[in-house]
C-alpha atoms as a PDB file:
ATOM      1  CA  MET A   1      -5.467  12.132 -27.928  1.00  0.00           C
ATOM      2  CA  PHE A   2      -6.714   8.657 -24.189  1.00  0.00           C
ATOM      3  CA  LYS A   3      -6.073   9.901 -21.214  1.00  0.00           C
ATOM      4  CA  LEU A   4      -5.069  13.638 -22.273  1.00  0.00           C
ATOM      5  CA  PRO A   5      -5.231  16.550 -19.353  1.00  0.00           C
ATOM      6  CA  LEU A   6      -5.585  25.353 -20.549  1.00  0.00           C
ATOM      7  CA  ARG A   7      -3.660  26.840 -17.271  1.00  0.00           C
ATOM      8  CA  ARG A   8      -4.242  30.211 -15.591  1.00  0.00           C
ATOM      9  CA  PHE A   9      -4.442  31.453 -19.754  1.00  0.00           C
ATOM     10  CA  VAL A  10      -0.852  33.681 -21.219  1.00  0.00           C
ATOM     11  CA  GLN A  11       1.451  32.009 -17.467  1.00  0.00           C
ATOM     12  CA  PHE A  12       0.933  28.500 -18.310  1.00  0.00           C
ATOM     13  CA  CYS A  13      -0.290  28.276 -21.910  1.00  0.00           C
ATOM     14  CA  LEU A  14       2.977  28.483 -23.177  1.00  0.00           C
ATOM     15  CA  LEU A  15       4.304  25.983 -19.906  1.00  0.00           C
ATOM     16  CA  ALA A  16       2.601  23.213 -20.547  1.00  0.00           C
ATOM     17  CA  ALA A  17       2.589  22.777 -24.499  1.00  0.00           C
ATOM     18  CA  PHE A  18       6.601  23.488 -24.149  1.00  0.00           C
ATOM     19  CA  THR A  19       8.224  22.382 -20.905  1.00  0.00           C
ATOM     20  CA  VAL A  20      11.894  22.922 -21.542  1.00  0.00           C
ATOM     21  CA  GLY A  21      12.734  22.852 -18.390  1.00  0.00           C
ATOM     22  CA  VAL A  22      10.973  20.313 -16.919  1.00  0.00           C
ATOM     23  CA  LEU A  23      12.568  17.059 -17.807  1.00  0.00           C
ATOM     24  CA  VAL A  24      11.636  15.680 -13.967  1.00  0.00           C
ATOM     25  CA  ALA A  25       7.919  14.697 -15.581  1.00  0.00           C
ATOM     26  CA  CYS A  26       9.978  12.680 -18.413  1.00  0.00           C
ATOM     27  CA  ASN A  27      10.948   9.123 -18.271  1.00  0.00           C
ATOM     28  CA  PRO A  28      14.172   9.051 -17.187  1.00  0.00           C
ATOM     29  CA  GLN A  29      14.542   6.282 -19.741  1.00  0.00           C
ATOM     30  CA  ALA A  30      16.073   7.935 -22.989  1.00  0.00           C
ATOM     31  CA  SER A  31      17.005   6.936 -26.571  1.00  0.00           C
ATOM     32  CA  THR A  32      20.426   8.971 -28.057  1.00  0.00           C
ATOM     33  CA  PRO A  33      19.847  13.061 -28.276  1.00  0.00           C
ATOM     34  CA  PRO A  34      19.017  12.630 -32.641  1.00  0.00           C
ATOM     35  CA  GLU A  35      21.799  16.160 -32.464  1.00  0.00           C
ATOM     36  CA  ALA A  36      24.490  12.955 -31.347  1.00  0.00           C
ATOM     37  CA  ALA A  37      23.883  10.545 -33.177  1.00  0.00           C
ATOM     38  CA  PRO A  38      25.569   9.318 -36.618  1.00  0.00           C
ATOM     39  CA  ALA A  39      23.854  10.484 -39.278  1.00  0.00           C
ATOM     40  CA  ALA A  40      23.513   7.032 -40.747  1.00  0.00           C
ATOM     41  CA  GLN A  41      21.518   4.832 -37.796  1.00  0.00           C
ATOM     42  CA  THR A  42      20.221   1.000 -38.669  1.00  0.00           C
ATOM     43  CA  SER A  43      17.274  -0.657 -37.609  1.00  0.00           C
ATOM     44  CA  SER A  44      20.141  -2.169 -34.417  1.00  0.00           C
ATOM     45  CA  GLN A  45      18.664   1.261 -32.243  1.00  0.00           C
ATOM     46  CA  PRO A  46      16.033   0.949 -31.550  1.00  0.00           C
ATOM     47  CA  LEU A  47      12.938   4.116 -32.149  1.00  0.00           C
ATOM     48  CA  ILE A  48      11.348   5.178 -29.380  1.00  0.00           C
ATOM     49  CA  ILE A  49       8.016   5.894 -29.298  1.00  0.00           C
ATOM     50  CA  GLY A  50       5.815   9.176 -26.761  1.00  0.00           C
ATOM     51  CA  SER A  51       2.132   7.790 -26.567  1.00  0.00           C
ATOM     52  CA  SER A  52      -0.348   8.284 -23.605  1.00  0.00           C
ATOM     53  CA  PRO A  53      -3.769   7.400 -22.997  1.00  0.00           C
ATOM     54  CA  TRP A  54      -6.500   8.048 -26.324  1.00  0.00           C
ATOM     55  CA  PRO A  55      -8.458   6.047 -28.444  1.00  0.00           C
ATOM     56  CA  GLY A  56      -6.646   7.545 -31.706  1.00  0.00           C
ATOM     57  CA  PHE A  57      -3.879   5.511 -30.667  1.00  0.00           C
ATOM     58  CA  ALA A  58      -5.627   2.098 -31.284  1.00  0.00           C
ATOM     59  CA  GLY A  59      -3.580   1.503 -34.303  1.00  0.00           C
ATOM     60  CA  TYR A  60      -0.032   1.951 -32.534  1.00  0.00           C
ATOM     61  CA  TYR A  61      -1.507   0.533 -29.246  1.00  0.00           C
ATOM     62  CA  VAL A  62      -2.412  -3.219 -30.946  1.00  0.00           C
ATOM     63  CA  ALA A  63       0.908  -2.824 -32.991  1.00  0.00           C
ATOM     64  CA  VAL A  64       3.312  -2.961 -29.713  1.00  0.00           C
ATOM     65  CA  ALA A  65       0.980  -5.740 -28.298  1.00  0.00           C
ATOM     66  CA  LYS A  66       1.274  -8.341 -31.637  1.00  0.00           C
ATOM     67  CA  ASP A  67       5.057  -7.020 -31.837  1.00  0.00           C
ATOM     68  CA  PHE A  68       4.354  -5.986 -35.610  1.00  0.00           C
ATOM     69  CA  PHE A  69       7.183  -3.735 -35.595  1.00  0.00           C
ATOM     70  CA  LYS A  70       9.360  -6.513 -35.529  1.00  0.00           C
ATOM     71  CA  SER A  71       7.861  -9.374 -38.544  1.00  0.00           C
ATOM     72  CA  ALA A  72       8.032  -5.161 -40.423  1.00  0.00           C
ATOM     73  CA  GLY A  73      11.999  -4.894 -39.158  1.00  0.00           C
ATOM     74  CA  VAL A  74      12.242  -2.606 -36.924  1.00  0.00           C
ATOM     75  CA  THR A  75      12.935  -2.190 -33.071  1.00  0.00           C
ATOM     76  CA  VAL A  76      10.609  -0.256 -31.198  1.00  0.00           C
ATOM     77  CA  THR A  77      10.156   0.858 -27.475  1.00  0.00           C
ATOM     78  CA  ASP A  78       7.107   2.460 -26.430  1.00  0.00           C
ATOM     79  CA  GLN A  79       7.581   5.423 -23.428  1.00  0.00           C
ATOM     80  CA  TYR A  80       3.677   4.915 -22.747  1.00  0.00           C
ATOM     81  CA  PHE A  81       2.565   8.456 -20.211  1.00  0.00           C
ATOM     82  CA  GLN A  82      -0.651   9.075 -18.291  1.00  0.00           C
ATOM     83  CA  ILE A  83      -0.723  12.957 -18.586  1.00  0.00           C
ATOM     84  CA  ALA A  84      -0.099  13.705 -22.618  1.00  0.00           C
ATOM     85  CA  THR A  85       2.006  17.093 -21.542  1.00  0.00           C
ATOM     86  CA  ASP A  86       4.756  14.644 -20.150  1.00  0.00           C
ATOM     87  CA  VAL A  87       5.173  13.466 -24.231  1.00  0.00           C
ATOM     88  CA  ASN A  88       5.429  16.675 -25.486  1.00  0.00           C
ATOM     89  CA  THR A  89       8.390  17.296 -22.171  1.00  0.00           C
ATOM     90  CA  GLY A  90       9.954  13.923 -23.557  1.00  0.00           C
ATOM     91  CA  LEU A  91      10.104  14.946 -27.571  1.00  0.00           C
ATOM     92  CA  ALA A  92      11.246  18.396 -26.694  1.00  0.00           C
ATOM     93  CA  ALA A  93      14.095  17.183 -23.943  1.00  0.00           C
ATOM     94  CA  ASN A  94      15.163  14.628 -27.001  1.00  0.00           C
ATOM     95  CA  ARG A  95      13.854  11.672 -25.006  1.00  0.00           C
ATOM     96  CA  LEU A  96      11.841  10.278 -27.863  1.00  0.00           C
ATOM     97  CA  ASP A  97      12.351   9.830 -30.859  1.00  0.00           C
ATOM     98  CA  LEU A  98       8.381  10.179 -32.325  1.00  0.00           C
ATOM     99  CA  ALA A  99       5.696  11.258 -29.900  1.00  0.00           C
ATOM    100  CA  TRP A 100       2.167  10.718 -30.309  1.00  0.00           C
ATOM    101  CA  THR A 101       0.666  14.150 -29.872  1.00  0.00           C
ATOM    102  CA  GLY A 102      -2.696  16.670 -29.743  1.00  0.00           C
ATOM    103  CA  GLY A 103      -2.139  18.670 -33.813  1.00  0.00           C
ATOM    104  CA  PRO A 104      -2.318  22.087 -31.509  1.00  0.00           C
ATOM    105  CA  ASP A 105       0.478  21.163 -29.523  1.00  0.00           C
ATOM    106  CA  ALA A 106       2.647  20.505 -32.154  1.00  0.00           C
ATOM    107  CA  VAL A 107       2.044  23.594 -33.571  1.00  0.00           C
ATOM    108  CA  VAL A 108       2.663  25.668 -30.289  1.00  0.00           C
ATOM    109  CA  MET A 109       5.975  23.121 -30.047  1.00  0.00           C
ATOM    110  CA  ALA A 110       6.452  24.294 -33.575  1.00  0.00           C
ATOM    111  CA  ALA A 111       7.409  27.864 -32.747  1.00  0.00           C
ATOM    112  CA  GLN A 112       9.833  26.464 -30.236  1.00  0.00           C
ATOM    113  CA  ASP A 113      11.883  24.125 -32.046  1.00  0.00           C
ATOM    114  CA  PRO A 114      10.690  25.166 -36.268  1.00  0.00           C
ATOM    115  CA  SER A 115      12.667  21.077 -36.612  1.00  0.00           C
ATOM    116  CA  LEU A 116       8.594  19.388 -35.907  1.00  0.00           C
ATOM    117  CA  ARG A 117       7.370  18.113 -38.684  1.00  0.00           C
ATOM    118  CA  ILE A 118       3.936  16.243 -38.914  1.00  0.00           C
ATOM    119  CA  ILE A 119       4.630  12.603 -40.331  1.00  0.00           C
ATOM    120  CA  MET A 120       1.315  10.961 -39.577  1.00  0.00           C
ATOM    121  CA  LEU A 121      -2.885  11.506 -38.772  1.00  0.00           C
ATOM    122  CA  SER A 122      -3.380   8.258 -36.419  1.00  0.00           C
ATOM    123  CA  ASP A 123      -6.853  10.588 -36.360  1.00  0.00           C
ATOM    124  CA  TYR A 124      -9.163  13.713 -35.915  1.00  0.00           C
ATOM    125  CA  SER A 125     -11.386  13.247 -32.051  1.00  0.00           C
ATOM    126  CA  ASP A 126     -14.737  13.572 -33.003  1.00  0.00           C
ATOM    127  CA  GLY A 127     -16.217  13.992 -30.110  1.00  0.00           C
ATOM    128  CA  ALA A 128     -13.408  12.432 -27.914  1.00  0.00           C
ATOM    129  CA  ASP A 129     -12.291  15.950 -26.228  1.00  0.00           C
ATOM    130  CA  GLY A 130     -15.253  18.159 -25.239  1.00  0.00           C
ATOM    131  CA  ILE A 131     -15.834  20.459 -22.256  1.00  0.00           C
ATOM    132  CA  LEU A 132     -18.493  19.239 -19.091  1.00  0.00           C
ATOM    133  CA  ALA A 133     -20.215  21.565 -17.283  1.00  0.00           C
ATOM    134  CA  ARG A 134     -23.516  20.394 -14.592  1.00  0.00           C
ATOM    135  CA  ASN A 135     -26.055  23.785 -14.006  1.00  0.00           C
ATOM    136  CA  VAL A 136     -24.785  25.150 -17.731  1.00  0.00           C
ATOM    137  CA  SER A 137     -27.198  26.135 -19.882  1.00  0.00           C
ATOM    138  CA  ALA A 138     -25.446  28.544 -22.255  1.00  0.00           C
ATOM    139  CA  PRO A 139     -22.064  29.774 -22.869  1.00  0.00           C
ATOM    140  CA  ALA A 140     -22.142  32.820 -20.824  1.00  0.00           C
ATOM    141  CA  ASP A 141     -23.903  30.759 -17.456  1.00  0.00           C
ATOM    142  CA  LEU A 142     -20.171  29.878 -17.305  1.00  0.00           C
ATOM    143  CA  LYS A 143     -19.138  32.686 -16.288  1.00  0.00           C
ATOM    144  CA  GLY A 144     -17.094  33.187 -12.948  1.00  0.00           C
ATOM    145  CA  LYS A 145     -17.403  29.938 -12.975  1.00  0.00           C
ATOM    146  CA  ASP A 146     -13.986  27.604 -11.726  1.00  0.00           C
ATOM    147  CA  VAL A 147     -12.608  25.468 -14.631  1.00  0.00           C
ATOM    148  CA  ALA A 148     -10.355  22.454 -14.790  1.00  0.00           C
ATOM    149  CA  TRP A 149      -8.455  21.805 -17.476  1.00  0.00           C
ATOM    150  CA  GLU A 150      -5.101  19.583 -18.513  1.00  0.00           C
ATOM    151  CA  SER A 151      -3.121  23.453 -20.670  1.00  0.00           C
ATOM    152  CA  LEU A 152      -2.738  21.731 -23.103  1.00  0.00           C
ATOM    153  CA  PRO A 153      -3.587  24.154 -26.989  1.00  0.00           C
ATOM    154  CA  LEU A 154      -6.311  21.632 -27.948  1.00  0.00           C
ATOM    155  CA  GLN A 155      -8.003  21.952 -24.697  1.00  0.00           C
ATOM    156  CA  ALA A 156      -7.443  25.714 -25.742  1.00  0.00           C
ATOM    157  CA  PHE A 157      -8.989  26.115 -28.361  1.00  0.00           C
ATOM    158  CA  LEU A 158     -12.105  23.849 -27.293  1.00  0.00           C
ATOM    159  CA  LEU A 159     -13.029  26.205 -24.506  1.00  0.00           C
ATOM    160  CA  ARG A 160     -11.853  29.134 -27.030  1.00  0.00           C
ATOM    161  CA  LYS A 161     -14.527  28.331 -29.152  1.00  0.00           C
ATOM    162  CA  TYR A 162     -17.073  27.551 -26.928  1.00  0.00           C
ATOM    163  CA  LEU A 163     -16.663  31.121 -24.341  1.00  0.00           C
ATOM    164  CA  GLU A 164     -16.872  33.258 -27.687  1.00  0.00           C
ATOM    165  CA  GLN A 165     -20.442  31.927 -27.958  1.00  0.00           C
ATOM    166  CA  GLY A 166     -21.403  33.680 -24.658  1.00  0.00           C
ATOM    167  CA  GLY A 167     -19.468  36.461 -25.241  1.00  0.00           C
ATOM    168  CA  LEU A 168     -17.068  36.296 -23.178  1.00  0.00           C
ATOM    169  CA  THR A 169     -13.132  35.064 -22.577  1.00  0.00           C
ATOM    170  CA  GLU A 170     -10.732  33.261 -20.367  1.00  0.00           C
ATOM    171  CA  LYS A 171     -10.483  35.667 -18.389  1.00  0.00           C
ATOM    172  CA  ASP A 172     -14.392  35.505 -17.197  1.00  0.00           C
ATOM    173  CA  ILE A 173     -13.509  32.122 -15.530  1.00  0.00           C
ATOM    174  CA  ASN A 174     -11.408  30.568 -12.567  1.00  0.00           C
ATOM    175  CA  LEU A 175      -9.267  27.875 -14.468  1.00  0.00           C
ATOM    176  CA  LYS A 176      -7.782  25.047 -12.778  1.00  0.00           C
ATOM    177  CA  VAL A 177      -4.709  23.589 -14.116  1.00  0.00           C
ATOM    178  CA  ILE A 178      -5.450  19.528 -13.108  1.00  0.00           C
ATOM    179  CA  ALA A 179      -4.384  16.773 -15.606  1.00  0.00           C
ATOM    180  CA  ALA A 180      -7.166  15.669 -17.697  1.00  0.00           C
ATOM    181  CA  GLY A 181      -8.146  12.544 -15.955  1.00  0.00           C
ATOM    182  CA  GLU A 182      -7.819  14.136 -12.700  1.00  0.00           C
ATOM    183  CA  ALA A 183     -10.678  16.762 -13.665  1.00  0.00           C
ATOM    184  CA  ALA A 184     -13.260  14.232 -14.861  1.00  0.00           C
ATOM    185  CA  SER A 185     -12.771  13.009 -11.605  1.00  0.00           C
ATOM    186  CA  ALA A 186     -13.083  15.904  -9.729  1.00  0.00           C
ATOM    187  CA  PHE A 187     -16.287  16.595 -11.547  1.00  0.00           C
ATOM    188  CA  ALA A 188     -17.063  12.800 -10.722  1.00  0.00           C
ATOM    189  CA  ALA A 189     -17.398  13.358  -7.559  1.00  0.00           C
ATOM    190  CA  ASN A 190     -19.327  16.607  -7.831  1.00  0.00           C
ATOM    191  CA  LYS A 191     -15.643  18.749  -6.255  1.00  0.00           C
ATOM    192  CA  ILE A 192     -15.514  21.083  -9.767  1.00  0.00           C
ATOM    193  CA  ASP A 193     -18.798  22.053 -11.717  1.00  0.00           C
ATOM    194  CA  VAL A 194     -16.442  22.714 -15.099  1.00  0.00           C
ATOM    195  CA  ALA A 195     -14.538  20.308 -16.609  1.00  0.00           C
ATOM    196  CA  VAL A 196     -12.391  20.024 -19.694  1.00  0.00           C
ATOM    197  CA  THR A 197     -10.766  16.880 -19.941  1.00  0.00           C
ATOM    198  CA  TYR A 198     -11.518  13.879 -22.947  1.00  0.00           C
ATOM    199  CA  GLU A 199     -11.826  10.295 -23.301  1.00  0.00           C
ATOM    200  CA  PRO A 200     -11.990   7.702 -22.122  1.00  0.00           C
ATOM    201  CA  TRP A 201     -13.247  10.063 -19.082  1.00  0.00           C
ATOM    202  CA  LEU A 202     -15.500  12.523 -20.622  1.00  0.00           C
ATOM    203  CA  THR A 203     -18.454   9.998 -20.853  1.00  0.00           C
ATOM    204  CA  SER A 204     -18.111   8.818 -17.691  1.00  0.00           C
ATOM    205  CA  ALA A 205     -17.344  11.658 -15.469  1.00  0.00           C
ATOM    206  CA  ALA A 206     -20.278  12.917 -16.888  1.00  0.00           C
ATOM    207  CA  LYS A 207     -22.934  10.606 -16.236  1.00  0.00           C
ATOM    208  CA  GLN A 208     -21.208   9.897 -13.017  1.00  0.00           C
ATOM    209  CA  GLY A 209     -21.736  13.450 -11.475  1.00  0.00           C
ATOM    210  CA  GLY A 210     -24.745  14.059 -13.076  1.00  0.00           C
ATOM    211  CA  GLY A 211     -24.038  17.323 -15.833  1.00  0.00           C
ATOM    212  CA  GLN A 212     -23.287  16.711 -19.703  1.00  0.00           C
ATOM    213  CA  ILE A 213     -21.121  17.650 -22.127  1.00  0.00           C
ATOM    214  CA  VAL A 214     -22.150  20.854 -23.455  1.00  0.00           C
ATOM    215  CA  PHE A 215     -19.548  20.890 -26.275  1.00  0.00           C
ATOM    216  CA  SER A 216     -17.454  19.064 -28.194  1.00  0.00           C
ATOM    217  CA  SER A 217     -14.980  18.135 -31.003  1.00  0.00           C
ATOM    218  CA  LYS A 218     -18.006  15.928 -32.597  1.00  0.00           C
ATOM    219  CA  GLY A 219     -18.209  16.412 -36.304  1.00  0.00           C
ATOM    220  CA  THR A 220     -14.589  19.013 -36.845  1.00  0.00           C
ATOM    221  CA  ASN A 221     -11.040  18.522 -37.479  1.00  0.00           C
ATOM    222  CA  ILE A 222     -10.394  20.544 -34.637  1.00  0.00           C
ATOM    223  CA  ILE A 223      -8.154  18.680 -33.196  1.00  0.00           C
ATOM    224  CA  PRO A 224      -6.096  16.543 -35.564  1.00  0.00           C
ATOM    225  CA  VAL A 225      -4.127  13.962 -33.473  1.00  0.00           C
ATOM    226  CA  ALA A 226      -0.605  13.536 -35.051  1.00  0.00           C
ATOM    227  CA  LEU A 227       3.042  11.319 -34.893  1.00  0.00           C
ATOM    228  CA  VAL A 228       5.165  14.293 -34.071  1.00  0.00           C
ATOM    229  CA  GLY A 229       9.451  13.949 -35.164  1.00  0.00           C
ATOM    230  CA  LYS A 230      12.545  16.352 -34.821  1.00  0.00           C
ATOM    231  CA  ALA A 231      14.059  17.018 -39.478  1.00  0.00           C
ATOM    232  CA  SER A 232      17.338  15.241 -38.327  1.00  0.00           C
ATOM    233  CA  VAL A 233      15.034  12.287 -36.972  1.00  0.00           C
ATOM    234  CA  ILE A 234      12.870  12.115 -40.395  1.00  0.00           C
ATOM    235  CA  ALA A 235      16.525  12.369 -41.857  1.00  0.00           C
ATOM    236  CA  ALA A 236      18.215   9.418 -40.251  1.00  0.00           C
ATOM    237  CA  ARG A 237      15.704   6.820 -39.026  1.00  0.00           C
ATOM    238  CA  LYS A 238      13.779   7.199 -42.376  1.00  0.00           C
ATOM    239  CA  ALA A 239      14.114   3.715 -43.356  1.00  0.00           C
ATOM    240  CA  ASP A 240      12.998   2.448 -40.082  1.00  0.00           C
ATOM    241  CA  ILE A 241      10.121   4.785 -39.781  1.00  0.00           C
ATOM    242  CA  LEU A 242       8.572   3.461 -42.721  1.00  0.00           C
ATOM    243  CA  LEU A 243       8.600   0.239 -41.539  1.00  0.00           C
ATOM    244  CA  PHE A 244       7.658   2.029 -38.277  1.00  0.00           C
ATOM    245  CA  LEU A 245       4.429   3.239 -40.734  1.00  0.00           C
ATOM    246  CA  LYS A 246       3.538   0.134 -42.007  1.00  0.00           C
ATOM    247  CA  ALA A 247       3.584  -1.679 -38.920  1.00  0.00           C
ATOM    248  CA  VAL A 248       1.325   0.905 -37.131  1.00  0.00           C
ATOM    249  CA  ASP A 249      -1.200   0.693 -40.818  1.00  0.00           C
ATOM    250  CA  GLN A 250      -1.171  -2.990 -39.890  1.00  0.00           C
ATOM    251  CA  GLY A 251      -2.397  -1.731 -35.999  1.00  0.00           C
ATOM    252  CA  VAL A 252      -5.408   0.207 -37.339  1.00  0.00           C
ATOM    253  CA  LYS A 253      -6.893  -2.897 -40.163  1.00  0.00           C
ATOM    254  CA  PHE A 254      -6.371  -4.988 -37.125  1.00  0.00           C
ATOM    255  CA  VAL A 255      -8.483  -2.933 -35.236  1.00  0.00           C
ATOM    256  CA  ARG A 256     -10.801  -2.800 -38.076  1.00  0.00           C
ATOM    257  CA  GLU A 257     -11.257  -6.413 -38.757  1.00  0.00           C
ATOM    258  CA  GLN A 258     -10.383  -8.185 -35.245  1.00  0.00           C
ATOM    259  CA  PRO A 259     -12.354  -6.073 -33.522  1.00  0.00           C
ATOM    260  CA  ASP A 260     -12.331  -8.540 -29.804  1.00  0.00           C
ATOM    261  CA  GLU A 261      -9.282  -8.693 -29.621  1.00  0.00           C
ATOM    262  CA  ALA A 262      -8.125  -5.360 -30.666  1.00  0.00           C
ATOM    263  CA  ASN A 263     -10.561  -3.200 -28.094  1.00  0.00           C
ATOM    264  CA  ALA A 264      -9.108  -6.114 -25.355  1.00  0.00           C
ATOM    265  CA  ILE A 265      -5.290  -4.906 -26.064  1.00  0.00           C
ATOM    266  CA  VAL A 266      -7.558  -1.441 -26.345  1.00  0.00           C
ATOM    267  CA  ALA A 267      -9.014  -1.374 -22.527  1.00  0.00           C
ATOM    268  CA  THR A 268      -5.822  -2.310 -21.222  1.00  0.00           C
ATOM    269  CA  LYS A 269      -4.725   0.732 -21.949  1.00  0.00           C
ATOM    270  CA  LEU A 270      -6.597   3.304 -21.088  1.00  0.00           C
ATOM    271  CA  GLY A 271      -7.385   1.193 -18.557  1.00  0.00           C
ATOM    272  CA  VAL A 272     -11.868   0.258 -19.583  1.00  0.00           C
ATOM    273  CA  LYS A 273     -13.671  -2.358 -20.222  1.00  0.00           C
ATOM    274  CA  PRO A 274     -12.982  -3.519 -23.612  1.00  0.00           C
ATOM    275  CA  GLU A 275     -17.384  -3.238 -24.203  1.00  0.00           C
ATOM    276  CA  GLU A 276     -16.693  -0.039 -23.281  1.00  0.00           C
ATOM    277  CA  VAL A 277     -14.246   0.798 -26.240  1.00  0.00           C
ATOM    278  CA  PRO A 278     -16.222   0.416 -29.216  1.00  0.00           C
ATOM    279  CA  ALA A 279     -17.983   3.411 -27.423  1.00  0.00           C
ATOM    280  CA  LEU A 280     -15.004   4.874 -27.186  1.00  0.00           C
ATOM    281  CA  LEU A 281     -13.773   4.231 -30.610  1.00  0.00           C
ATOM    282  CA  ALA A 282     -16.906   6.115 -31.844  1.00  0.00           C
ATOM    283  CA  THR A 283     -15.722   9.351 -30.612  1.00  0.00           C
ATOM    284  CA  VAL A 284     -12.512   9.188 -33.357  1.00  0.00           C
ATOM    285  CA  ARG A 285     -11.519   8.737 -36.694  1.00  0.00           C
ATOM    286  CA  ILE A 286      -8.532   7.001 -36.885  1.00  0.00           C
ATOM    287  CA  PHE A 287      -6.872   7.364 -40.531  1.00  0.00           C
ATOM    288  CA  ASP A 288      -4.864   4.250 -42.147  1.00  0.00           C
ATOM    289  CA  VAL A 289      -1.908   4.675 -45.104  1.00  0.00           C
ATOM    290  CA  ALA A 290      -3.650   5.211 -47.765  1.00  0.00           C
ATOM    291  CA  GLU A 291      -6.863   7.464 -46.196  1.00  0.00           C
ATOM    292  CA  ASN A 292      -3.722   9.887 -44.983  1.00  0.00           C
ATOM    293  CA  LYS A 293      -3.053   9.940 -48.749  1.00  0.00           C
ATOM    294  CA  SER A 294      -6.570  10.033 -49.824  1.00  0.00           C
ATOM    295  CA  ILE A 295      -7.481  13.112 -47.270  1.00  0.00           C
ATOM    296  CA  VAL A 296      -5.340  14.389 -44.091  1.00  0.00           C
ATOM    297  CA  PHE A 297      -1.975  15.342 -46.784  1.00  0.00           C
ATOM    298  CA  ASN A 298      -4.965  15.704 -49.601  1.00  0.00           C
ATOM    299  CA  PRO A 299      -4.861  19.801 -50.567  1.00  0.00           C
ATOM    300  CA  SER A 300      -8.989  18.806 -52.291  1.00  0.00           C
ATOM    301  CA  ASP A 301     -10.537  16.844 -49.477  1.00  0.00           C
ATOM    302  CA  PRO A 302     -12.461  19.333 -46.599  1.00  0.00           C
ATOM    303  CA  LEU A 303     -10.570  17.511 -44.080  1.00  0.00           C
ATOM    304  CA  ASN A 304      -7.244  18.097 -44.732  1.00  0.00           C
ATOM    305  CA  VAL A 305      -4.586  18.266 -42.640  1.00  0.00           C
ATOM    306  CA  MET A 306      -3.112  21.694 -44.378  1.00  0.00           C
ATOM    307  CA  ASP A 307      -5.696  23.425 -43.260  1.00  0.00           C
ATOM    308  CA  SER A 308      -6.042  22.664 -39.655  1.00  0.00           C
ATOM    309  CA  LEU A 309      -2.568  23.283 -39.066  1.00  0.00           C
ATOM    310  CA  LYS A 310      -3.479  27.076 -41.136  1.00  0.00           C
ATOM    311  CA  PHE A 311      -6.175  27.103 -38.035  1.00  0.00           C
ATOM    312  CA  ALA A 312      -3.976  26.269 -35.349  1.00  0.00           C
ATOM    313  CA  ALA A 313      -1.005  28.658 -36.298  1.00  0.00           C
ATOM    314  CA  LYS A 314      -3.848  31.157 -36.468  1.00  0.00           C
ATOM    315  CA  THR A 315      -5.621  30.451 -33.432  1.00  0.00           C
ATOM    316  CA  SER A 316      -1.948  30.097 -31.559  1.00  0.00           C
ATOM    317  CA  GLN A 317      -1.384  33.848 -32.405  1.00  0.00           C
ATOM    318  CA  ALA A 318      -4.895  35.307 -31.258  1.00  0.00           C
ATOM    319  CA  LEU A 319      -4.463  32.694 -28.274  1.00  0.00           C
ATOM    320  CA  GLY A 320      -1.119  34.352 -27.325  1.00  0.00           C
ATOM    321  CA  LEU A 321      -0.461  30.850 -27.326  1.00  0.00           C
ATOM    322  CA  VAL A 322       3.002  31.484 -29.730  1.00  0.00           C
ATOM    323  CA  SER A 323       4.260  35.326 -29.761  1.00  0.00           C
ATOM    324  CA  SER A 324       4.903  34.820 -33.035  1.00  0.00           C
ATOM    325  CA  PRO A 325       3.781  33.618 -36.383  1.00  0.00           C
ATOM    326  CA  VAL A 326       3.942  30.219 -37.577  1.00  0.00           C
ATOM    327  CA  ASP A 327       4.005  28.999 -40.944  1.00  0.00           C
ATOM    328  CA  ALA A 328       1.708  26.107 -41.108  1.00  0.00           C
ATOM    329  CA  THR A 329       3.468  24.944 -44.885  1.00  0.00           C
ATOM    330  CA  THR A 330       6.147  24.118 -42.762  1.00  0.00           C
ATOM    331  CA  LEU A 331       4.912  21.776 -40.196  1.00  0.00           C
ATOM    332  CA  TYR A 332       4.090  18.682 -42.017  1.00  0.00           C
ATOM    333  CA  ASP A 333       5.894  16.223 -43.786  1.00  0.00           C
ATOM    334  CA  ASP A 334       4.029  13.741 -46.681  1.00  0.00           C
ATOM    335  CA  SER A 335       7.345  12.203 -47.993  1.00  0.00           C
ATOM    336  CA  LEU A 336       6.589   8.869 -45.388  1.00  0.00           C
ATOM    337  CA  ILE A 337       3.787   8.659 -46.185  1.00  0.00           C
ATOM    338  CA  ASN A 338       3.491   9.069 -50.029  1.00  0.00           C
ATOM    339  CA  ALA A 339       6.339   6.747 -50.251  1.00  0.00           C
ATOM    340  CA  LEU A 340       4.375   4.179 -49.143  1.00  0.00           C
END
C-alpha cells in the first residue's frame, strides 16, 4: 500500500478506518456524489480516483503519467494523498468515485457501508508492510514499549499476528498514532524504538535507524491492496470503469516491459530515486487483469482474495475493528474483471 500509514486499539482503529466526519482531511476537490449523480453517466465526466504512496500502485501511476486513460477513452482525475487513511475518508464522504486502498481497510469500511465492493487487486503486500524495531529479538520483547503506527486495519493485522507469537496483546504496549512516513522517520532518528510502517520507508528506516524488520507480510496474502468503489458508482459508471481497468492493465504491462521509464515515474510518486524502485517493487506482487482472473478471483487458487477477505473479516471482528460480523462473500464484485 507506498506511503501508507494501529491507534490506541479499540478507540482509534474504528476512527482511522472510517472517519466519515473528518472531512477536512480530504482533498477539497470532489466529484458529484454518486447518490446525486444521474443514472447514466457519460465518459465526459471524469472518474475521480483516490491513491497514495505504495509500490503496488506502479501500474496505475504509469497509466496516469502516460495518460493511457485518454487513449482508452475515459477521463480520469487522480486525487493523490500522502496518508492512506485520507483516501478512505474521501471514499466514505463521496469525494471519490473509486479508491486504491488496503483490503483490510475495505472490510472495516464495509461494516459501515455494505455497498462497498472490491473490483480489482493491484497487488498483495509481499514484504512491503512490516514492523521495525531495535533491541527486540522476540515478540515478547515488545512488552511495555512505545509502538508508532498509523492505525490502519492492515497494520492491526500484522501487529496482532506478531504480538500473539509472544503471548501479548495491544494492551501490553503503548500505541502512538503517527502517520506511516513519520513513524519511519522517527525510528530512523532514534526517537522511537518500534514502528509499524511500509515501503518506501520500511527498508530505508531500518538501515538508518540501526534496527531491523522483525516481522513483515512476506510470503502471505494477509494484505491485499485493491480498487474499491460503491455499488451505485460501479453500476452507473460500468462502461467507464471497464476502460479504466484496461488502461491500468496497460500500465502494469509497461512496468514489466519498460522498467527504466516506469521506474522513473514510480520514483517521482514515491519520493525515492529511480534506482531504488526495483527493490521496492520486489516487496509486492502486482497483478494484471489476466492474473486477477486466474489468481485473485479464482476460488481454486491458494492466493485467491476470497480466502483473504474471509480472514480479514474474521480478524476484524476478533480485534474489535467491527461491531458486527462482515459477510466476506459480499465484499467483492468480479464481474468487471471477468468482462475484460
